[in-house]
Amino acid sequence: MSKVIDYKILFQSQPVPTLVLQPDDPHFTIIDANPAFLHATNSSPSDLFGKSLFAAFPENPSEREANSISNYYHYLQQVLSTGRAHSLPVMRYDMLVRGTGAFEEKHWKPVYTPVLSQEGAVLYILVQVEDLTHAVKAGQLLGEKEVELRQAHNFLKNAEADAGFGTWVLDLENDRLSWSDGVFRLLGY
């Protein structure tokens, strides 16, 4: 006994934020989105369905450095011309916060996958996104902390030289002793 698979239910229940586009270049009209995509973009179906991708996700007019939605146009055209999936690097996109007019910085890793007819024509384009905003911002914060740590280390090193003292650290867990240059100077080494 064969069972009929309801692909709409599968699409709606998948956890990966996914959008379905019509391949109507230059508009790329949005025809569906799963709940994960709606949640990730803080959108409702009425915000997206039947609209051009570029109208539904406008650019931040005050931020020209961001990899805006219009930069994705080139990649959508590649999918249309080649009929093959295209994975993009993590890109910055300033997303409109619905109902406010403000924009929020996001970092997405999108994948564009064509859905092909038996003849090889592109019927739809699936846009799946991974939101890496927290990871990117955590990395930026880590980079800032590394700079602060290097500055503190240089300050301590200069203070040791100016004041004529040294420091040492005993790592009991790894049974290692390390000395600063100041200790070597004090001991005459």
Protein backbone atom coordinates (compact mmCIF):
# COMPACT_ATOMS: atom_id res chain seq x y z
CA MET A 1 0.00 0.00 0.00
CA SER A 2 1.55 3.26 -1.08
CA LYS A 3 1.02 6.40 0.87
CA VAL A 4 0.60 9.81 -0.75
CA ILE A 5 3.13 12.28 0.62
CA ASP A 6 1.88 15.78 1.39
CA TYR A 7 4.93 17.83 0.44
CA LYS A 8 3.32 21.05 1.69
CA ILE A 9 3.31 19.59 5.23
CA LEU A 10 6.96 18.57 4.86
CA PHE A 11 7.88 22.06 3.63
CA GLN A 12 5.97 23.79 6.42
CA SER A 13 7.47 21.61 9.15
CA GLN A 14 11.14 21.77 8.19
CA PRO A 15 13.25 23.79 10.64
CA VAL A 16 15.43 25.46 8.00
CA PRO A 17 14.06 28.91 7.05
CA THR A 18 12.99 28.49 3.41
CA LEU A 19 11.43 30.80 0.86
CA VAL A 20 10.04 29.81 -2.56
CA LEU A 21 10.55 32.22 -5.46
CA GLN A 22 9.07 32.27 -8.92
CA PRO A 23 11.90 32.51 -11.49
CA ASP A 24 10.32 35.63 -13.02
CA ASP A 25 13.52 37.65 -13.45
CA PRO A 26 13.85 40.56 -12.56
CA HIS A 27 11.11 40.34 -9.91
CA PHE A 28 11.65 36.94 -8.31
CA THR A 29 8.17 36.91 -6.81
CA ILE A 30 7.74 35.23 -3.43
CA ILE A 31 5.12 32.48 -3.64
CA ASP A 32 5.65 30.68 -0.32
CA ALA A 33 7.67 30.67 2.89
CA ASN A 34 7.73 28.19 5.72
CA PRO A 35 7.05 29.25 9.34
CA ALA A 36 10.77 29.09 10.13
CA PHE A 37 11.45 31.73 7.45
CA LEU A 38 8.57 33.91 8.61
CA HIS A 39 9.90 33.72 12.18
CA ALA A 40 13.53 34.41 11.14
CA THR A 41 12.47 37.52 9.23
CA ASN A 42 9.72 38.60 11.63
CA SER A 43 7.32 38.58 8.67
CA SER A 44 3.76 37.54 8.03
CA PRO A 45 2.53 35.93 4.80
CA SER A 46 0.95 39.26 3.78
CA ASP A 47 4.39 40.94 4.09
CA LEU A 48 5.86 38.56 1.52
CA PHE A 49 3.51 36.52 -0.66
CA GLY A 50 2.96 37.88 -4.16
CA LYS A 51 5.68 40.52 -3.76
CA SER A 52 9.01 40.83 -5.46
CA LEU A 53 11.87 39.66 -3.25
CA PHE A 54 13.31 43.16 -3.53
CA ALA A 55 10.05 44.88 -2.50
CA ALA A 56 9.50 42.53 0.44
CA PHE A 57 13.06 43.06 1.70
CA PRO A 58 14.04 46.65 0.93
CA GLU A 59 17.57 47.94 1.29
CA ASN A 60 18.66 50.03 4.25
CA PRO A 61 19.08 53.44 2.58
CA SER A 62 21.58 54.60 5.21
CA GLU A 63 23.90 51.57 4.97
CA ARG A 64 25.61 51.13 1.62
CA GLU A 65 28.36 48.87 3.03
CA ALA A 66 25.97 46.01 3.78
CA ASN A 67 25.55 43.17 1.30
CA SER A 68 22.02 44.17 0.55
CA ILE A 69 19.31 42.10 -1.05
CA SER A 70 20.06 43.65 -4.45
CA ASN A 71 23.54 42.11 -4.28
CA TYR A 72 21.81 38.71 -4.27
CA TYR A 73 20.26 39.43 -7.67
CA HIS A 74 23.43 38.32 -9.44
CA TYR A 75 23.35 34.95 -7.69
CA LEU A 76 19.68 34.40 -8.52
CA GLN A 77 20.49 35.03 -12.17
CA GLN A 78 23.30 32.44 -11.96
CA VAL A 79 20.84 29.84 -10.67
CA LEU A 80 18.51 30.66 -13.57
CA SER A 81 21.25 30.46 -16.20
CA THR A 82 22.98 27.31 -14.89
CA GLY A 83 20.07 25.42 -13.32
CA ARG A 84 22.37 24.56 -10.40
CA ALA A 85 22.32 25.37 -6.70
CA HIS A 86 24.46 28.22 -5.48
CA SER A 87 25.75 28.58 -1.92
CA LEU A 88 26.82 32.03 -0.82
CA PRO A 89 29.30 33.01 1.87
CA VAL A 90 28.03 34.61 5.05
CA MET A 91 26.79 38.03 4.02
CA ARG A 92 25.63 41.05 5.96
CA TYR A 93 22.09 42.17 5.32
CA ASP A 94 20.27 44.95 7.13
CA MET A 95 16.72 43.64 7.59
CA LEU A 96 13.71 45.89 7.91
CA VAL A 97 12.09 45.53 11.33
CA ARG A 98 8.44 45.23 10.29
CA GLY A 99 6.21 48.07 11.46
CA THR A 100 9.04 50.34 12.58
CA GLY A 101 10.94 51.53 9.54
CA ALA A 102 14.17 50.69 11.39
CA PHE A 103 16.74 48.16 10.20
CA GLU A 104 18.51 45.39 12.13
CA GLU A 105 21.92 44.04 11.14
CA LYS A 106 21.77 40.36 10.18
CA HIS A 107 24.36 37.94 8.85
CA TRP A 108 22.94 35.25 6.58
CA LYS A 109 24.39 32.25 4.80
CA PRO A 110 21.94 31.67 1.94
CA VAL A 111 21.68 28.73 -0.43
CA TYR A 112 19.71 29.05 -3.68
CA THR A 113 18.41 25.77 -5.07
CA PRO A 114 16.49 25.48 -8.33
CA VAL A 115 13.51 23.14 -8.61
CA LEU A 116 13.68 21.82 -12.17
CA SER A 117 11.07 20.44 -14.55
CA GLN A 118 11.74 17.10 -16.25
CA GLU A 119 13.03 19.10 -19.21
CA GLY A 120 15.51 20.99 -16.98
CA ALA A 121 13.70 24.32 -16.85
CA VAL A 122 13.75 26.21 -13.53
CA LEU A 123 10.24 26.04 -12.07
CA TYR A 124 11.02 27.57 -8.66
CA ILE A 125 13.99 28.72 -6.63
CA LEU A 126 14.24 27.66 -3.00
CA VAL A 127 16.08 30.14 -0.80
CA GLN A 128 17.30 28.60 2.44
CA VAL A 129 19.03 30.80 4.98
CA GLU A 130 21.08 30.18 8.06
CA ASP A 131 21.11 33.11 10.46
CA LEU A 132 24.67 33.45 11.77
CA THR A 133 24.21 36.90 13.31
CA HIS A 134 24.96 35.75 16.86
CA ALA A 135 28.08 33.86 15.79
CA VAL A 136 29.39 36.81 13.76
CA LYS A 137 28.72 39.28 16.57
CA ALA A 138 30.30 36.92 19.12
CA GLY A 139 33.36 36.71 16.87
CA GLN A 140 33.48 40.49 16.61
CA LEU A 141 33.24 40.74 20.40
CA LEU A 142 35.99 38.13 20.77
CA GLY A 143 38.17 40.12 18.37
CA GLU A 144 37.60 43.26 20.43
CA LYS A 145 38.49 41.40 23.64
CA GLU A 146 41.68 40.04 22.02
CA VAL A 147 42.71 43.60 21.15
CA GLU A 148 42.00 44.71 24.75
CA LEU A 149 44.00 41.74 26.10
CA ARG A 150 46.96 42.57 23.83
CA GLN A 151 46.82 46.20 24.97
CA ALA A 152 46.75 45.13 28.65
CA HIS A 153 49.67 42.75 28.05
CA ASN A 154 51.71 45.52 26.41
CA PHE A 155 50.84 47.90 29.27
CA LEU A 156 52.03 45.34 31.85
CA LYS A 157 55.20 44.64 29.88
CA ASN A 158 55.99 48.38 29.69
CA ALA A 159 55.16 48.84 33.39
CA GLU A 160 57.54 46.00 34.29
CA ALA A 161 60.33 47.59 32.29
CA ASP A 162 59.70 51.08 33.71
CA ALA A 163 59.29 49.98 37.35
CA GLY A 164 61.98 47.31 37.30
CA PHE A 165 59.87 44.35 38.40
CA GLY A 166 58.90 41.03 36.87
CA THR A 167 56.06 38.52 37.02
CA TRP A 168 55.83 34.77 36.91
CA VAL A 169 52.96 32.35 36.52
CA LEU A 170 52.81 28.82 37.89
CA ASP A 171 50.33 26.66 35.99
CA LEU A 172 49.59 23.89 38.50
CA GLU A 173 47.30 22.01 36.16
CA ASN A 174 50.00 21.62 33.48
CA ASP A 175 52.99 21.80 35.86
CA ARG A 176 54.53 24.75 33.98
CA LEU A 177 56.29 27.86 35.19
CA SER A 178 56.64 30.91 32.95
CA TRP A 179 58.55 34.13 33.62
CA SER A 180 58.24 37.55 32.13
CA ASP A 181 61.22 39.39 30.64
CA GLY A 182 61.33 41.47 33.84
CA VAL A 183 62.17 38.40 35.96
CA PHE A 184 65.04 37.52 33.61
CA ARG A 185 66.36 41.10 33.85
CA LEU A 186 66.14 41.05 37.69
CA LEU A 187 68.02 37.75 37.84
CA GLY A 188 70.60 38.87 35.32
CA TYR A 189 69.71 36.41 32.58
